[in-house]
Structure formats: C-alpha cells, structure tokens
C-alpha cells in the first residue's frame, strides 16, 4: 500500500527526536516501516564554543567559558542562562533546585535510552569523579572489566561517553591506553556536583552544595572544559590561517613522564 501511495503522491517525512536509540530503532532499523526509505539524516550536535561566542557577544571570554561549561552548548539549556548575570545563581535556580528544569534532565534522558539505568549512573558518576581507566572503573564498581564493556559501548553510541587515546596513536581502536571521558559538559557537571549530592538537595541543603561547587568549580571542573575549548580554538585558528599548521588530529597526549593538554599531529 505504501509503495502505491508514495509512487502517486510523493511526500517528505522528517522524524525528529532527542532520544537516539529510540530514533534508530523506530525509524532506521530493519523492523521499522521506514527502513530503506531514508534519504538523509542529521545527527545534530550542541553548539561549538565559537558559535556560542558569536551569539553572546556582550559576554566576556571568562563568562562564555563558564556558560559553555555548564550548558554544554545545548540551545535549550542556554535559554535558561541567557539572562543570568551570575552563573552560580543560574546553577542554583535551574540545576540544583528540585523544581528546576535541569535538575532531573539526565534522569529523563537515560531512563528512555537504556535498561538498568542504575548501572549507567554508577559508571558516569565514577568517570565524572576522575576514574578514567577501565581497570579503575572496574575496581570502584566491583565488577570485572569485561562486564563493563557492554555498558561502556552503549554510552559511547549515545555520545555520552568518549574513549580517548594519545593523539599520536596510529590505531586508536586497538590502543590499550584509552581513557574514558563524559562527552557532554552539562552531564559532567551534573554527575560531579548534583548526583552525588541529591540527598542533601532534596533535604533543602542547597546552600551547602553551592559552597562545594564554588570551592571546586574551577580546579575540578572548569579547568578541564577550558582545555576542550583550547583544542577547538586551535583547530579554528589553523583553519583561518592564523596558525601556519594543518592538523590531521588535535587531542591529548600522555605517557609515563608527561601530559600535554593540547597536542596536534
């Protein structure tokens, strides 16, 4: 029937959604009614730092870095902070408040995307706290390394988790030096500061949690987001010709004796 209808009355259908696995299963998988009819797809990404800066021209570089760090460049999240003069006031109002729009956002996201979300939450909390090696994650979660593999793979497919290797590795997929990072800075913030303190927040101890955030925001969080921004800006400066270098890869480098936050090949 569909073949007959579409041959006589061509139509364009644009499915749109924010739940990646659902969109894949319902529109792209073999069992989907639309299987084989797809003509294009766009996997929308958050705004890059340079794009955010081009929009918020009245904000200083320091303010832009903090704004990007908390929202991850997601347009919907930016709406809540657009008129906030103080980033910490915005955090308290929109993220830490139990009635705030962003307080439960990661819960809604993962509940729709995965089964057994508690296991994924445990992994993301451990990664946010700085446990990036597979062996370290297995030790903290008291699981065998191979048992974590399926969970890590799902989180990578959802663009929530990213496995990084030194930028000089010729075969990244085979490298044993991989470290895990949360790809989205808003989720990194949430799992570092909100999830471990939910009991206090739900008991009304918001001020106490804000004190922790104020003390740890720069050294435990913002400094790492700033490194990401620097890597992006390096790409941009090379593309513009301001730096006479054409990078193939830009990323991190580390070995037993040195760690470089912005490295290019």
Protein backbone atom coordinates (compact mmCIF):
# COMPACT_ATOMS: atom_id res chain seq x y z
CA UNK A 1 0.00 0.00 0.00
CA UNK A 2 2.78 2.43 0.96
CA UNK A 3 4.58 1.82 -2.34
CA UNK A 4 1.39 2.65 -4.27
CA UNK A 5 0.67 5.77 -2.25
CA UNK A 6 4.22 7.11 -2.41
CA UNK A 7 4.51 6.49 -6.15
CA UNK A 8 1.45 8.66 -6.79
CA UNK A 9 1.78 11.20 -4.00
CA UNK A 10 5.42 11.81 -3.08
CA UNK A 11 5.77 13.19 0.45
CA UNK A 12 8.61 14.17 2.70
CA UNK A 13 8.63 12.87 6.28
CA UNK A 14 11.08 14.40 8.73
CA UNK A 15 11.14 12.44 12.02
CA UNK A 16 12.83 14.44 14.75
CA UNK A 17 13.69 13.46 18.30
CA UNK A 18 16.29 13.69 21.04
CA UNK A 19 16.34 10.02 22.12
CA UNK A 20 19.00 8.45 19.93
CA UNK A 21 18.25 4.76 20.44
CA UNK A 22 14.52 5.28 20.02
CA UNK A 23 15.05 7.20 16.78
CA UNK A 24 17.35 4.48 15.49
CA UNK A 25 15.05 1.60 16.40
CA UNK A 26 11.81 3.24 15.27
CA UNK A 27 12.98 4.86 12.03
CA UNK A 28 16.25 3.31 10.85
CA UNK A 29 16.23 -0.34 11.98
CA UNK A 30 15.30 -3.29 9.77
CA UNK A 31 11.93 -3.71 11.50
CA UNK A 32 10.93 -0.07 11.04
CA UNK A 33 8.22 0.76 8.43
CA UNK A 34 10.59 3.42 7.11
CA UNK A 35 13.53 1.05 6.67
CA UNK A 36 15.17 1.54 3.28
CA UNK A 37 13.31 4.80 2.59
CA UNK A 38 15.73 7.10 4.36
CA UNK A 39 17.33 9.62 2.02
CA UNK A 40 19.37 11.59 4.58
CA UNK A 41 19.97 12.02 8.28
CA UNK A 42 21.39 14.71 10.53
CA UNK A 43 22.75 13.98 13.96
CA UNK A 44 22.57 17.44 15.47
CA UNK A 45 25.38 18.35 17.83
CA UNK A 46 25.49 21.03 20.55
CA UNK A 47 26.80 24.46 19.61
CA UNK A 48 30.56 24.76 19.45
CA UNK A 49 32.22 27.31 21.72
CA UNK A 50 32.93 29.64 18.79
CA UNK A 51 29.26 29.51 17.77
CA UNK A 52 28.16 30.29 21.30
CA UNK A 53 30.60 33.22 21.44
CA UNK A 54 29.25 34.58 18.15
CA UNK A 55 25.76 34.72 19.65
CA UNK A 56 26.54 36.04 23.15
CA UNK A 57 28.66 38.96 22.01
CA UNK A 58 28.04 41.02 25.14
CA UNK A 59 29.64 38.43 27.43
CA UNK A 60 33.34 38.35 28.28
CA UNK A 61 35.53 35.37 27.44
CA UNK A 62 35.52 34.32 31.09
CA UNK A 63 31.72 34.42 31.19
CA UNK A 64 31.47 32.48 27.93
CA UNK A 65 33.73 29.72 29.22
CA UNK A 66 31.58 29.31 32.34
CA UNK A 67 28.36 29.40 30.32
CA UNK A 68 29.66 26.77 27.91
CA UNK A 69 30.94 24.63 30.77
CA UNK A 70 27.56 24.48 32.49
CA UNK A 71 25.27 24.15 29.45
CA UNK A 72 27.46 22.12 27.12
CA UNK A 73 26.35 24.37 24.25
CA UNK A 74 22.84 22.85 24.16
CA UNK A 75 20.48 25.61 22.90
CA UNK A 76 17.62 24.63 25.23
CA UNK A 77 19.88 24.78 28.27
CA UNK A 78 21.33 28.09 27.13
CA UNK A 79 17.84 29.63 27.22
CA UNK A 80 17.77 29.27 30.99
CA UNK A 81 21.13 31.00 31.46
CA UNK A 82 20.88 33.63 28.74
CA UNK A 83 19.70 36.38 31.08
CA UNK A 84 21.54 35.23 34.19
CA UNK A 85 24.21 37.73 35.19
CA UNK A 86 25.79 35.32 37.67
CA UNK A 87 26.47 31.74 36.60
CA UNK A 88 26.21 30.42 40.16
CA UNK A 89 22.79 32.00 40.65
CA UNK A 90 21.69 30.26 37.47
CA UNK A 91 23.11 26.94 38.66
CA UNK A 92 21.23 27.21 41.93
CA UNK A 93 17.96 28.20 40.24
CA UNK A 94 17.90 25.88 37.24
CA UNK A 95 20.05 22.87 38.17
CA UNK A 96 20.16 22.48 41.95
CA UNK A 97 16.54 23.36 42.66
CA UNK A 98 14.43 20.21 42.80
CA UNK A 99 11.80 22.08 40.75
CA UNK A 100 14.37 23.36 38.23
CA UNK A 101 14.09 22.23 34.62
CA UNK A 102 17.59 20.74 34.56
CA UNK A 103 17.54 19.00 37.94
CA UNK A 104 16.13 15.74 36.54
CA UNK A 105 17.28 16.12 32.94
CA UNK A 106 19.90 13.31 32.93
CA UNK A 107 17.41 11.00 34.68
CA UNK A 108 14.83 11.54 31.93
CA UNK A 109 17.49 11.10 29.26
CA UNK A 110 18.90 7.79 30.48
CA UNK A 111 15.58 6.27 31.60
CA UNK A 112 14.36 6.46 27.99
CA UNK A 113 17.59 5.31 26.40
CA UNK A 114 18.82 2.36 28.49
CA UNK A 115 17.75 -0.59 30.57
CA UNK A 116 19.07 -0.86 34.12
CA UNK A 117 19.90 2.87 34.31
CA UNK A 118 21.36 2.49 37.81
CA UNK A 119 24.41 0.73 36.33
CA UNK A 120 24.95 3.54 33.83
CA UNK A 121 24.57 6.15 36.56
CA UNK A 122 27.23 4.40 38.63
CA UNK A 123 29.64 4.37 35.69
CA UNK A 124 29.07 8.03 34.84
CA UNK A 125 29.45 9.11 38.45
CA UNK A 126 32.77 7.26 38.65
CA UNK A 127 34.04 8.77 35.39
CA UNK A 128 32.95 12.28 36.44
CA UNK A 129 34.95 11.86 39.64
CA UNK A 130 38.10 11.29 37.57
CA UNK A 131 38.25 7.49 37.25
CA UNK A 132 39.05 7.18 33.56
CA UNK A 133 40.84 3.86 33.19
CA UNK A 134 38.84 0.70 32.62
CA UNK A 135 40.66 -1.06 35.44
CA UNK A 136 39.90 1.78 37.86
CA UNK A 137 36.22 1.77 36.92
CA UNK A 138 36.04 -1.99 37.39
CA UNK A 139 37.65 -1.71 40.82
CA UNK A 140 35.37 1.07 42.06
CA UNK A 141 32.22 -0.60 40.74
CA UNK A 142 33.39 -4.03 41.93
CA UNK A 143 32.85 -5.61 38.53
CA UNK A 144 35.09 -7.41 36.08
CA UNK A 145 36.42 -5.26 33.27
CA UNK A 146 34.74 -7.33 30.56
CA UNK A 147 31.39 -6.98 32.36
CA UNK A 148 31.57 -3.20 31.92
CA UNK A 149 32.17 -3.45 28.17
CA UNK A 150 28.52 -3.58 27.03
CA UNK A 151 27.58 -0.61 29.24
CA UNK A 152 30.50 1.47 28.01
CA UNK A 153 29.67 0.63 24.40
CA UNK A 154 26.06 1.83 24.83
CA UNK A 155 27.20 5.09 26.44
CA UNK A 156 29.62 5.67 23.55
CA UNK A 157 26.86 5.01 21.00
CA UNK A 158 24.71 7.60 22.77
CA UNK A 159 27.55 10.17 22.56
CA UNK A 160 27.54 10.39 26.35
CA UNK A 161 30.89 8.73 26.90
CA UNK A 162 34.03 9.04 24.81
CA UNK A 163 37.13 6.86 24.82
CA UNK A 164 40.26 8.88 24.12
CA UNK A 165 43.80 7.78 23.40
CA UNK A 166 47.00 9.80 22.95
CA UNK A 167 46.74 11.79 19.72
CA UNK A 168 49.86 10.07 18.34
CA UNK A 169 48.35 6.56 18.42
CA UNK A 170 48.22 5.15 14.87
CA UNK A 171 45.47 2.63 15.62
CA UNK A 172 43.24 4.23 18.29
CA UNK A 173 40.71 1.39 18.26
CA UNK A 174 43.44 -1.12 19.19
CA UNK A 175 45.21 1.05 21.75
CA UNK A 176 45.33 -0.16 25.34
CA UNK A 177 45.94 3.36 26.61
CA UNK A 178 42.34 4.52 26.34
CA UNK A 179 40.76 6.78 28.95
CA UNK A 180 37.04 7.46 29.31
CA UNK A 181 35.54 10.96 29.42
CA UNK A 182 31.97 12.23 29.58
CA UNK A 183 31.44 13.94 26.23
CA UNK A 184 28.80 16.45 27.34
CA UNK A 185 29.97 19.07 29.81
CA UNK A 186 26.49 19.55 31.30
CA UNK A 187 26.34 15.82 32.12
CA UNK A 188 29.87 16.02 33.50
CA UNK A 189 28.77 18.88 35.77
CA UNK A 190 25.60 17.05 36.84
CA UNK A 191 27.34 13.79 37.70
CA UNK A 192 30.14 15.59 39.51
CA UNK A 193 28.10 18.03 41.58
CA UNK A 194 24.40 17.13 41.50
CA UNK A 195 24.07 13.35 41.51
CA UNK A 196 26.39 12.72 44.50
CA UNK A 197 24.56 15.44 46.48
CA UNK A 198 20.93 14.66 45.65
CA UNK A 199 20.07 13.62 49.21
CA UNK A 200 21.25 16.98 50.53
CA UNK A 201 19.46 18.90 47.78
CA UNK A 202 16.21 17.08 48.42
CA UNK A 203 16.52 17.91 52.13
CA UNK A 204 16.82 21.60 51.24
CA UNK A 205 20.58 21.85 51.85
CA UNK A 206 21.15 23.77 48.61
CA UNK A 207 23.42 26.36 50.23
CA UNK A 208 25.77 23.64 51.46
CA UNK A 209 26.01 22.12 47.98
CA UNK A 210 26.61 25.56 46.47
CA UNK A 211 29.56 26.02 48.82
CA UNK A 212 31.08 22.80 47.47
CA UNK A 213 30.52 23.89 43.88
CA UNK A 214 32.01 27.35 44.48
CA UNK A 215 35.14 25.80 46.01
CA UNK A 216 35.62 23.06 43.41
CA UNK A 217 34.18 24.60 40.24
CA UNK A 218 37.47 25.83 38.76
CA UNK A 219 40.02 23.19 39.82
CA UNK A 220 37.84 20.06 39.49
CA UNK A 221 35.69 21.09 36.56
CA UNK A 222 36.20 24.33 34.66
CA UNK A 223 39.89 23.74 34.01
CA UNK A 224 39.11 20.56 32.03
CA UNK A 225 36.38 22.27 29.98
CA UNK A 226 38.84 25.08 29.25
CA UNK A 227 41.25 22.51 27.80
CA UNK A 228 38.48 21.33 25.45
CA UNK A 229 37.83 24.91 24.36
CA UNK A 230 41.54 25.45 23.68
CA UNK A 231 41.66 22.39 21.44
CA UNK A 232 38.65 23.67 19.50
CA UNK A 233 40.13 27.16 19.16
CA UNK A 234 43.40 25.69 17.93
CA UNK A 235 41.50 23.97 15.10
CA UNK A 236 39.75 27.27 14.28
CA UNK A 237 42.98 29.29 14.21
CA UNK A 238 44.58 26.75 11.88
CA UNK A 239 41.53 26.77 9.58
CA UNK A 240 41.64 30.58 9.43
CA UNK A 241 45.35 30.57 8.62
CA UNK A 242 46.29 32.43 11.82
CA UNK A 243 48.49 29.46 12.68
CA UNK A 244 50.56 28.07 9.81
CA UNK A 245 49.77 24.46 10.54
CA UNK A 246 47.31 21.95 9.06
CA UNK A 247 46.39 19.45 11.79
CA UNK A 248 45.11 16.00 10.98
CA UNK A 249 44.27 15.34 14.63
CA UNK A 250 44.05 17.54 17.72
CA UNK A 251 43.73 16.00 21.14
CA UNK A 252 45.61 14.93 24.25
CA UNK A 253 48.98 13.32 24.69
CA UNK A 254 50.30 11.49 27.69
CA UNK A 255 52.86 8.89 28.64
CA UNK A 256 54.60 7.90 31.88
CA UNK A 257 56.55 11.15 32.14
CA UNK A 258 54.46 13.92 30.54
CA UNK A 259 50.92 15.10 29.93
CA UNK A 260 50.03 17.63 27.21
CA UNK A 261 46.52 19.11 27.14
CA UNK A 262 46.61 20.44 23.57
CA UNK A 263 48.56 18.33 21.13
CA UNK A 264 48.29 18.19 17.35
CA UNK A 265 49.58 15.97 14.57
